[in-house]
Amino acid sequence: MNDGLAFLEGATPEEIAERSAGNLLPVPWIEPADVVEAVLFLASDRARYITGTQLVIDAGLLTR
């Protein structure tokens, strides 16, 4: 996941880590297990009324 973020940013994972270290709030690394939990929820009956939405899994990065 983190390598993919680095690729999209045109940087190395190390450069992304250094850049995020300067943030007021640290950006935790997103692990595959974090995404799996969201997918399992969406595939479950508990999510049966969820339609047409985006589920952003970025540890709050968009809010910073």
PDB file of N, CA and C in Angstrom:
ATOM      1  N   MET A   1       0.828  -1.189   0.000  1.00  0.00           N
ATOM      2  CA  MET A   1       0.000   0.000   0.000  1.00  0.00           C
ATOM      3  C   MET A   1       0.870   1.249   0.000  1.00  0.00           C
ATOM      4  N   ASN A   2       1.874   1.264   0.838  1.00  0.00           N
ATOM      5  CA  ASN A   2       2.710   2.448   0.950  1.00  0.00           C
ATOM      6  C   ASN A   2       3.564   2.646  -0.286  1.00  0.00           C
ATOM      7  N   ASP A   3       4.000   1.545  -0.897  1.00  0.00           N
ATOM      8  CA  ASP A   3       4.746   1.656  -2.145  1.00  0.00           C
ATOM      9  C   ASP A   3       3.854   2.242  -3.234  1.00  0.00           C
ATOM     10  N   GLY A   4       2.584   1.874  -3.235  1.00  0.00           N
ATOM     11  CA  GLY A   4       1.651   2.416  -4.218  1.00  0.00           C
ATOM     12  C   GLY A   4       1.447   3.907  -4.040  1.00  0.00           C
ATOM     13  N   LEU A   5       1.340   4.356  -2.789  1.00  0.00           N
ATOM     14  CA  LEU A   5       1.213   5.787  -2.518  1.00  0.00           C
ATOM     15  C   LEU A   5       2.453   6.517  -3.003  1.00  0.00           C
ATOM     16  N   ALA A   6       3.609   5.956  -2.719  1.00  0.00           N
ATOM     17  CA  ALA A   6       4.859   6.577  -3.154  1.00  0.00           C
ATOM     18  C   ALA A   6       4.906   6.657  -4.675  1.00  0.00           C
ATOM     19  N   PHE A   7       4.506   5.585  -5.349  1.00  0.00           N
ATOM     20  CA  PHE A   7       4.505   5.567  -6.810  1.00  0.00           C
ATOM     21  C   PHE A   7       3.605   6.665  -7.365  1.00  0.00           C
ATOM     22  N   LEU A   8       2.405   6.792  -6.790  1.00  0.00           N
ATOM     23  CA  LEU A   8       1.472   7.822  -7.252  1.00  0.00           C
ATOM     24  C   LEU A   8       2.024   9.228  -7.041  1.00  0.00           C
ATOM     25  N   GLU A   9       2.810   9.393  -6.000  1.00  0.00           N
ATOM     26  CA  GLU A   9       3.400  10.694  -5.701  1.00  0.00           C
ATOM     27  C   GLU A   9       4.699  10.928  -6.466  1.00  0.00           C
ATOM     28  N   GLY A  10       5.190   9.899  -7.170  1.00  0.00           N
ATOM     29  CA  GLY A  10       6.457  10.028  -7.878  1.00  0.00           C
ATOM     30  C   GLY A  10       7.633  10.112  -6.928  1.00  0.00           C
ATOM     31  N   ALA A  11       7.544   9.384  -5.833  1.00  0.00           N
ATOM     32  CA  ALA A  11       8.581   9.425  -4.805  1.00  0.00           C
ATOM     33  C   ALA A  11       8.853   8.015  -4.312  1.00  0.00           C
ATOM     34  N   THR A  12       9.861   7.892  -3.474  1.00  0.00           N
ATOM     35  CA  THR A  12      10.147   6.608  -2.838  1.00  0.00           C
ATOM     36  C   THR A  12       9.376   6.545  -1.520  1.00  0.00           C
ATOM     37  N   PRO A  13       9.160   5.339  -0.981  1.00  0.00           N
ATOM     38  CA  PRO A  13       8.505   5.251   0.331  1.00  0.00           C
ATOM     39  C   PRO A  13       9.253   6.042   1.408  1.00  0.00           C
ATOM     40  N   GLU A  14      10.577   6.076   1.306  1.00  0.00           N
ATOM     41  CA  GLU A  14      11.369   6.821   2.282  1.00  0.00           C
ATOM     42  C   GLU A  14      11.092   8.323   2.185  1.00  0.00           C
ATOM     43  N   GLU A  15      10.958   8.824   0.952  1.00  0.00           N
ATOM     44  CA  GLU A  15      10.663  10.248   0.766  1.00  0.00           C
ATOM     45  C   GLU A  15       9.282  10.603   1.320  1.00  0.00           C
ATOM     46  N   ILE A  16       8.327   9.715   1.118  1.00  0.00           N
ATOM     47  CA  ILE A  16       6.986   9.947   1.662  1.00  0.00           C
ATOM     48  C   ILE A  16       7.045   9.976   3.182  1.00  0.00           C
ATOM     49  N   ALA A  17       7.793   9.053   3.784  1.00  0.00           N
ATOM     50  CA  ALA A  17       7.918   9.010   5.244  1.00  0.00           C
ATOM     51  C   ALA A  17       8.563  10.287   5.768  1.00  0.00           C
ATOM     52  N   GLU A  18       9.606  10.766   5.097  1.00  0.00           N
ATOM     53  CA  GLU A  18      10.267  12.003   5.523  1.00  0.00           C
ATOM     54  C   GLU A  18       9.324  13.195   5.397  1.00  0.00           C
ATOM     55  N   ARG A  19       8.577  13.240   4.309  1.00  0.00           N
ATOM     56  CA  ARG A  19       7.642  14.347   4.088  1.00  0.00           C
ATOM     57  C   ARG A  19       6.544  14.351   5.144  1.00  0.00           C
ATOM     58  N   SER A  20       6.017  13.187   5.464  1.00  0.00           N
ATOM     59  CA  SER A  20       4.935  13.132   6.442  1.00  0.00           C
ATOM     60  C   SER A  20       5.442  13.355   7.858  1.00  0.00           C
ATOM     61  N   ALA A  21       6.740  13.137   8.099  1.00  0.00           N
ATOM     62  CA  ALA A  21       7.301  13.359   9.432  1.00  0.00           C
ATOM     63  C   ALA A  21       7.226  14.833   9.811  1.00  0.00           C
ATOM     64  N   GLY A  22       7.165  15.730   8.834  1.00  0.00           N
ATOM     65  CA  GLY A  22       7.086  17.152   9.109  1.00  0.00           C
ATOM     66  C   GLY A  22       5.676  17.661   9.355  1.00  0.00           C
ATOM     67  N   ASN A  23       4.681  16.810   9.209  1.00  0.00           N
ATOM     68  CA  ASN A  23       3.289  17.218   9.445  1.00  0.00           C
ATOM     69  C   ASN A  23       3.051  17.462  10.928  1.00  0.00           C
ATOM     70  N   LEU A  24       2.079  18.317  11.218  1.00  0.00           N
ATOM     71  CA  LEU A  24       1.716  18.524  12.616  1.00  0.00           C
ATOM     72  C   LEU A  24       1.189  17.243  13.235  1.00  0.00           C
ATOM     73  N   LEU A  25       0.434  16.501  12.452  1.00  0.00           N
ATOM     74  CA  LEU A  25      -0.083  15.213  12.903  1.00  0.00           C
ATOM     75  C   LEU A  25       0.566  14.124  12.067  1.00  0.00           C
ATOM     76  N   PRO A  26       1.145  13.130  12.709  1.00  0.00           N
ATOM     77  CA  PRO A  26       1.792  12.075  11.920  1.00  0.00           C
ATOM     78  C   PRO A  26       0.774  11.284  11.105  1.00  0.00           C
ATOM     79  N   VAL A  27       1.188  10.866   9.934  1.00  0.00           N
ATOM     80  CA  VAL A  27       0.341  10.061   9.061  1.00  0.00           C
ATOM     81  C   VAL A  27       0.702   8.596   9.278  1.00  0.00           C
ATOM     82  N   PRO A  28      -0.203   7.809   9.855  1.00  0.00           N
ATOM     83  CA  PRO A  28       0.120   6.392  10.037  1.00  0.00           C
ATOM     84  C   PRO A  28       0.111   5.668   8.699  1.00  0.00           C
ATOM     85  N   TRP A  29       0.930   4.653   8.604  1.00  0.00           N
ATOM     86  CA  TRP A  29       0.958   3.846   7.382  1.00  0.00           C
ATOM     87  C   TRP A  29      -0.313   3.028   7.295  1.00  0.00           C
ATOM     88  N   ILE A  30      -0.880   2.973   6.110  1.00  0.00           N
ATOM     89  CA  ILE A  30      -2.051   2.140   5.855  1.00  0.00           C
ATOM     90  C   ILE A  30      -1.545   0.746   5.505  1.00  0.00           C
ATOM     91  N   GLU A  31      -2.047  -0.228   6.203  1.00  0.00           N
ATOM     92  CA  GLU A  31      -1.659  -1.614   5.967  1.00  0.00           C
ATOM     93  C   GLU A  31      -2.765  -2.318   5.180  1.00  0.00           C
ATOM     94  N   PRO A  32      -2.414  -3.359   4.420  1.00  0.00           N
ATOM     95  CA  PRO A  32      -3.441  -4.107   3.685  1.00  0.00           C
ATOM     96  C   PRO A  32      -4.583  -4.586   4.580  1.00  0.00           C
ATOM     97  N   ALA A  33      -4.280  -4.948   5.812  1.00  0.00           N
ATOM     98  CA  ALA A  33      -5.327  -5.422   6.725  1.00  0.00           C
ATOM     99  C   ALA A  33      -6.374  -4.340   6.986  1.00  0.00           C
ATOM    100  N   ASP A  34      -5.963  -3.069   6.957  1.00  0.00           N
ATOM    101  CA  ASP A  34      -6.913  -1.974   7.148  1.00  0.00           C
ATOM    102  C   ASP A  34      -7.934  -1.941   6.013  1.00  0.00           C
ATOM    103  N   VAL A  35      -7.477  -2.154   4.807  1.00  0.00           N
ATOM    104  CA  VAL A  35      -8.357  -2.158   3.642  1.00  0.00           C
ATOM    105  C   VAL A  35      -9.250  -3.398   3.666  1.00  0.00           C
ATOM    106  N   VAL A  36      -8.683  -4.521   4.073  1.00  0.00           N
ATOM    107  CA  VAL A  36      -9.446  -5.773   4.147  1.00  0.00           C
ATOM    108  C   VAL A  36     -10.640  -5.611   5.080  1.00  0.00           C
ATOM    109  N   GLU A  37     -10.435  -4.973   6.221  1.00  0.00           N
ATOM    110  CA  GLU A  37     -11.539  -4.773   7.169  1.00  0.00           C
ATOM    111  C   GLU A  37     -12.677  -3.981   6.530  1.00  0.00           C
ATOM    112  N   ALA A  38     -12.335  -2.955   5.780  1.00  0.00           N
ATOM    113  CA  ALA A  38     -13.364  -2.151   5.114  1.00  0.00           C
ATOM    114  C   ALA A  38     -14.100  -2.962   4.055  1.00  0.00           C
ATOM    115  N   VAL A  39     -13.360  -3.744   3.291  1.00  0.00           N
ATOM    116  CA  VAL A  39     -13.974  -4.575   2.244  1.00  0.00           C
ATOM    117  C   VAL A  39     -14.899  -5.613   2.866  1.00  0.00           C
ATOM    118  N   LEU A  40     -14.456  -6.234   3.950  1.00  0.00           N
ATOM    119  CA  LEU A  40     -15.301  -7.230   4.616  1.00  0.00           C
ATOM    120  C   LEU A  40     -16.587  -6.595   5.142  1.00  0.00           C
ATOM    121  N   PHE A  41     -16.482  -5.392   5.671  1.00  0.00           N
ATOM    122  CA  PHE A  41     -17.685  -4.702   6.132  1.00  0.00           C
ATOM    123  C   PHE A  41     -18.639  -4.443   4.969  1.00  0.00           C
ATOM    124  N   LEU A  42     -18.106  -3.915   3.865  1.00  0.00           N
ATOM    125  CA  LEU A  42     -18.964  -3.603   2.720  1.00  0.00           C
ATOM    126  C   LEU A  42     -19.595  -4.853   2.114  1.00  0.00           C
ATOM    127  N   ALA A  43     -18.935  -5.990   2.258  1.00  0.00           N
ATOM    128  CA  ALA A  43     -19.472  -7.246   1.730  1.00  0.00           C
ATOM    129  C   ALA A  43     -20.459  -7.906   2.695  1.00  0.00           C
ATOM    130  N   SER A  44     -20.587  -7.356   3.889  1.00  0.00           N
ATOM    131  CA  SER A  44     -21.446  -7.974   4.896  1.00  0.00           C
ATOM    132  C   SER A  44     -22.875  -7.436   4.822  1.00  0.00           C
ATOM    133  N   ASP A  45     -23.778  -8.111   5.518  1.00  0.00           N
ATOM    134  CA  ASP A  45     -25.170  -7.663   5.600  1.00  0.00           C
ATOM    135  C   ASP A  45     -25.299  -6.322   6.313  1.00  0.00           C
ATOM    136  N   ARG A  46     -24.344  -5.996   7.173  1.00  0.00           N
ATOM    137  CA  ARG A  46     -24.409  -4.718   7.898  1.00  0.00           C
ATOM    138  C   ARG A  46     -24.312  -3.525   6.958  1.00  0.00           C
ATOM    139  N   ALA A  47     -23.783  -3.729   5.766  1.00  0.00           N
ATOM    140  CA  ALA A  47     -23.629  -2.634   4.803  1.00  0.00           C
ATOM    141  C   ALA A  47     -24.668  -2.702   3.689  1.00  0.00           C
ATOM    142  N   ARG A  48     -25.746  -3.433   3.902  1.00  0.00           N
ATOM    143  CA  ARG A  48     -26.711  -3.677   2.823  1.00  0.00           C
ATOM    144  C   ARG A  48     -27.392  -2.413   2.315  1.00  0.00           C
ATOM    145  N   TYR A  49     -27.429  -1.351   3.100  1.00  0.00           N
ATOM    146  CA  TYR A  49     -28.077  -0.121   2.655  1.00  0.00           C
ATOM    147  C   TYR A  49     -27.089   0.917   2.135  1.00  0.00           C
ATOM    148  N   ILE A  50     -25.834   0.566   2.064  1.00  0.00           N
ATOM    149  CA  ILE A  50     -24.824   1.488   1.545  1.00  0.00           C
ATOM    150  C   ILE A  50     -24.749   1.320   0.033  1.00  0.00           C
ATOM    151  N   THR A  51     -24.994   2.418  -0.676  1.00  0.00           N
ATOM    152  CA  THR A  51     -24.907   2.397  -2.137  1.00  0.00           C
ATOM    153  C   THR A  51     -24.283   3.698  -2.623  1.00  0.00           C
ATOM    154  N   GLY A  52     -23.574   3.622  -3.713  1.00  0.00           N
ATOM    155  CA  GLY A  52     -23.065   4.800  -4.392  1.00  0.00           C
ATOM    156  C   GLY A  52     -22.252   5.753  -3.549  1.00  0.00           C
ATOM    157  N   THR A  53     -21.304   5.260  -2.833  1.00  0.00           N
ATOM    158  CA  THR A  53     -20.473   6.127  -2.007  1.00  0.00           C
ATOM    159  C   THR A  53     -19.006   5.770  -2.181  1.00  0.00           C
ATOM    160  N   GLN A  54     -18.147   6.679  -1.773  1.00  0.00           N
ATOM    161  CA  GLN A  54     -16.712   6.404  -1.764  1.00  0.00           C
ATOM    162  C   GLN A  54     -16.286   6.177  -0.327  1.00  0.00           C
ATOM    163  N   LEU A  55     -15.487   5.181  -0.116  1.00  0.00           N
ATOM    164  CA  LEU A  55     -14.939   4.913   1.205  1.00  0.00           C
ATOM    165  C   LEU A  55     -13.448   5.210   1.126  1.00  0.00           C
ATOM    166  N   VAL A  56     -13.054   6.338   1.674  1.00  0.00           N
ATOM    167  CA  VAL A  56     -11.658   6.763   1.619  1.00  0.00           C
ATOM    168  C   VAL A  56     -10.930   6.180   2.821  1.00  0.00           C
ATOM    169  N   ILE A  57      -9.915   5.393   2.546  1.00  0.00           N
ATOM    170  CA  ILE A  57      -9.115   4.778   3.606  1.00  0.00           C
ATOM    171  C   ILE A  57      -7.722   5.385   3.505  1.00  0.00           C
ATOM    172  N   ASP A  58      -7.540   6.519   4.190  1.00  0.00           N
ATOM    173  CA  ASP A  58      -6.266   7.232   4.085  1.00  0.00           C
ATOM    174  C   ASP A  58      -5.759   7.754   5.427  1.00  0.00           C
ATOM    175  N   ALA A  59      -6.301   7.231   6.520  1.00  0.00           N
ATOM    176  CA  ALA A  59      -5.888   7.629   7.875  1.00  0.00           C
ATOM    177  C   ALA A  59      -6.072   9.126   8.103  1.00  0.00           C
ATOM    178  N   GLY A  60      -7.037   9.722   7.424  1.00  0.00           N
ATOM    179  CA  GLY A  60      -7.315  11.141   7.603  1.00  0.00           C
ATOM    180  C   GLY A  60      -6.423  12.075   6.812  1.00  0.00           C
ATOM    181  N   LEU A  61      -5.655  11.544   5.872  1.00  0.00           N
ATOM    182  CA  LEU A  61      -4.719  12.359   5.105  1.00  0.00           C
ATOM    183  C   LEU A  61      -5.421  13.493   4.366  1.00  0.00           C
ATOM    184  N   LEU A  62      -6.619  13.248   3.836  1.00  0.00           N
ATOM    185  CA  LEU A  62      -7.333  14.288   3.093  1.00  0.00           C
ATOM    186  C   LEU A  62      -7.796  15.441   3.975  1.00  0.00           C
ATOM    187  N   THR A  63      -7.885  15.223   5.270  1.00  0.00           N
ATOM    188  CA  THR A  63      -8.359  16.271   6.171  1.00  0.00           C
ATOM    189  C   THR A  63      -7.235  17.148   6.693  1.00  0.00           C
ATOM    190  N   ARG A  64      -6.013  16.858   6.303  1.00  0.00           N
ATOM    191  CA  ARG A  64      -4.873  17.626   6.833  1.00  0.00           C
ATOM    192  C   ARG A  64      -4.456  18.712   5.905  1.00  0.00           C
TER     193      ARG A  64
END
